[in-house]
C-alpha atoms as a PDB file:
ATOM      1  CA  UNK A   1      37.774 155.514  44.886  1.00  0.00           C
ATOM      2  CA  UNK A   2      36.643 153.013  47.625  1.00  0.00           C
ATOM      3  CA  UNK A   3      34.122 154.072  50.238  1.00  0.00           C
ATOM      4  CA  UNK A   4      32.748 151.701  52.861  1.00  0.00           C
ATOM      5  CA  UNK A   5      29.100 150.935  52.899  1.00  0.00           C
ATOM      6  CA  UNK A   6      27.112 153.098  55.296  1.00  0.00           C
ATOM      7  CA  UNK A   7      26.256 150.054  57.422  1.00  0.00           C
ATOM      8  CA  UNK A   8      29.912 148.980  57.798  1.00  0.00           C
ATOM      9  CA  UNK A   9      29.770 148.877  61.582  1.00  0.00           C
ATOM     10  CA  UNK A  10      31.303 145.363  61.513  1.00  0.00           C
ATOM     11  CA  UNK A  11      34.754 146.805  61.448  1.00  0.00           C
ATOM     12  CA  UNK A  12      34.051 149.158  64.276  1.00  0.00           C
ATOM     13  CA  UNK A  13      32.492 146.335  66.313  1.00  0.00           C
ATOM     14  CA  UNK A  14      35.594 144.188  65.658  1.00  0.00           C
ATOM     15  CA  UNK A  15      37.808 146.882  66.930  1.00  0.00           C
ATOM     16  CA  UNK A  16      35.727 147.503  70.000  1.00  0.00           C
ATOM     17  CA  UNK A  17      35.595 143.746  70.812  1.00  0.00           C
ATOM     18  CA  UNK A  18      39.380 143.666  70.382  1.00  0.00           C
ATOM     19  CA  UNK A  19      39.824 146.618  72.776  1.00  0.00           C
ATOM     20  CA  UNK A  20      37.451 145.160  75.364  1.00  0.00           C
ATOM     21  CA  UNK A  21      39.086 141.693  75.136  1.00  0.00           C
ATOM     22  CA  UNK A  22      42.497 143.305  75.636  1.00  0.00           C
ATOM     23  CA  UNK A  23      41.331 145.229  78.695  1.00  0.00           C
ATOM     24  CA  UNK A  24      39.653 142.113  80.104  1.00  0.00           C
ATOM     25  CA  UNK A  25      42.962 140.188  79.629  1.00  0.00           C
ATOM     26  CA  UNK A  26      44.569 142.906  81.829  1.00  0.00           C
ATOM     27  CA  UNK A  27      41.926 142.217  84.529  1.00  0.00           C
ATOM     28  CA  UNK A  28      39.616 145.131  83.864  1.00  0.00           C
ATOM     29  CA  UNK A  29      35.946 144.148  83.991  1.00  0.00           C
ATOM     30  CA  UNK A  30      33.765 145.521  81.196  1.00  0.00           C
ATOM     31  CA  UNK A  31      31.251 146.967  83.668  1.00  0.00           C
ATOM     32  CA  UNK A  32      33.913 148.971  85.583  1.00  0.00           C
ATOM     33  CA  UNK A  33      34.367 151.636  82.839  1.00  0.00           C
ATOM     34  CA  UNK A  34      32.713 153.397  79.967  1.00  0.00           C
ATOM     35  CA  UNK A  35      34.961 153.174  76.939  1.00  0.00           C
ATOM     36  CA  UNK A  36      33.457 156.324  75.392  1.00  0.00           C
ATOM     37  CA  UNK A  37      34.834 158.271  78.384  1.00  0.00           C
ATOM     38  CA  UNK A  38      38.260 157.629  77.166  1.00  0.00           C
ATOM     39  CA  UNK A  39      38.041 157.514  73.362  1.00  0.00           C
ATOM     40  CA  UNK A  40      35.398 158.082  70.635  1.00  0.00           C
ATOM     41  CA  UNK A  41      35.124 154.517  69.224  1.00  0.00           C
ATOM     42  CA  UNK A  42      33.613 155.684  65.893  1.00  0.00           C
ATOM     43  CA  UNK A  43      36.273 158.315  65.390  1.00  0.00           C
ATOM     44  CA  UNK A  44      39.046 155.873  66.330  1.00  0.00           C
ATOM     45  CA  UNK A  45      37.753 153.348  63.766  1.00  0.00           C
ATOM     46  CA  UNK A  46      37.568 156.095  61.073  1.00  0.00           C
ATOM     47  CA  UNK A  47      41.115 157.220  61.769  1.00  0.00           C
ATOM     48  CA  UNK A  48      42.496 153.621  61.627  1.00  0.00           C
ATOM     49  CA  UNK A  49      40.543 152.667  58.553  1.00  0.00           C
ATOM     50  CA  UNK A  50      41.285 155.861  56.557  1.00  0.00           C
ATOM     51  CA  UNK A  51      45.050 156.106  57.286  1.00  0.00           C
ATOM     52  CA  UNK A  52      47.171 155.984  54.090  1.00  0.00           C
ATOM     53  CA  UNK A  53      50.186 154.914  56.145  1.00  0.00           C
ATOM     54  CA  UNK A  54      50.730 152.897  59.312  1.00  0.00           C
ATOM     55  CA  UNK A  55      49.233 154.825  62.189  1.00  0.00           C
ATOM     56  CA  UNK A  56      49.081 154.236  65.844  1.00  0.00           C
ATOM     57  CA  UNK A  57      46.639 155.839  68.361  1.00  0.00           C
ATOM     58  CA  UNK A  58      47.542 155.561  71.985  1.00  0.00           C
ATOM     59  CA  UNK A  59      45.203 156.108  74.901  1.00  0.00           C
ATOM     60  CA  UNK A  60      44.789 154.887  78.489  1.00  0.00           C
ATOM     61  CA  UNK A  61      41.746 153.214  80.004  1.00  0.00           C
ATOM     62  CA  UNK A  62      41.651 152.952  83.819  1.00  0.00           C
ATOM     63  CA  UNK A  63      45.413 153.035  83.921  1.00  0.00           C
ATOM     64  CA  UNK A  64      45.948 150.583  81.145  1.00  0.00           C
ATOM     65  CA  UNK A  65      47.870 152.127  78.257  1.00  0.00           C
ATOM     66  CA  UNK A  66      46.714 150.856  74.776  1.00  0.00           C
ATOM     67  CA  UNK A  67      48.162 151.137  71.344  1.00  0.00           C
ATOM     68  CA  UNK A  68      45.655 150.692  68.570  1.00  0.00           C
ATOM     69  CA  UNK A  69      46.799 150.257  64.943  1.00  0.00           C
ATOM     70  CA  UNK A  70      45.505 148.574  61.773  1.00  0.00           C
ATOM     71  CA  UNK A  71      47.402 145.450  63.026  1.00  0.00           C
ATOM     72  CA  UNK A  72      45.405 145.350  66.264  1.00  0.00           C
ATOM     73  CA  UNK A  73      45.316 146.387  69.882  1.00  0.00           C
ATOM     74  CA  UNK A  74      48.255 146.058  72.204  1.00  0.00           C
ATOM     75  CA  UNK A  75      48.985 146.970  75.809  1.00  0.00           C
ATOM     76  CA  UNK A  76      51.913 149.332  76.058  1.00  0.00           C
ATOM     77  CA  UNK A  77      54.540 147.836  78.278  1.00  0.00           C
ATOM     78  CA  UNK A  78      57.288 150.088  79.621  1.00  0.00           C
ATOM     79  CA  UNK A  79      60.798 148.812  79.441  1.00  0.00           C
ATOM     80  CA  UNK A  80      61.467 147.967  83.083  1.00  0.00           C
ATOM     81  CA  UNK A  81      65.143 147.783  82.479  1.00  0.00           C
ATOM     82  CA  UNK A  82      65.197 151.539  81.790  1.00  0.00           C
ATOM     83  CA  UNK A  83      62.995 152.511  84.676  1.00  0.00           C
ATOM     84  CA  UNK A  84      64.909 150.649  87.443  1.00  0.00           C
ATOM     85  CA  UNK A  85      67.602 152.716  88.964  1.00  0.00           C
ATOM     86  CA  UNK A  86      69.566 152.470  92.172  1.00  0.00           C
END
């Protein structure tokens, strides 16, 4: 059985950095929000790291919907062709 070392915060830091960089790419400044108000970063890392199958966690920070999986962090983009109606 594999268990991560107790000081394995590197993975969590990598995930946090990726989330923050993704939000910055969307124009959100890092001093305009507190990430822990939207998601528990430690719990998120544990869920992603411990999943036996492909898992996706979705949450929204300051109106920016995110999709976090073992593959990385993505912004959820709605399909505009379905939402446009006349």
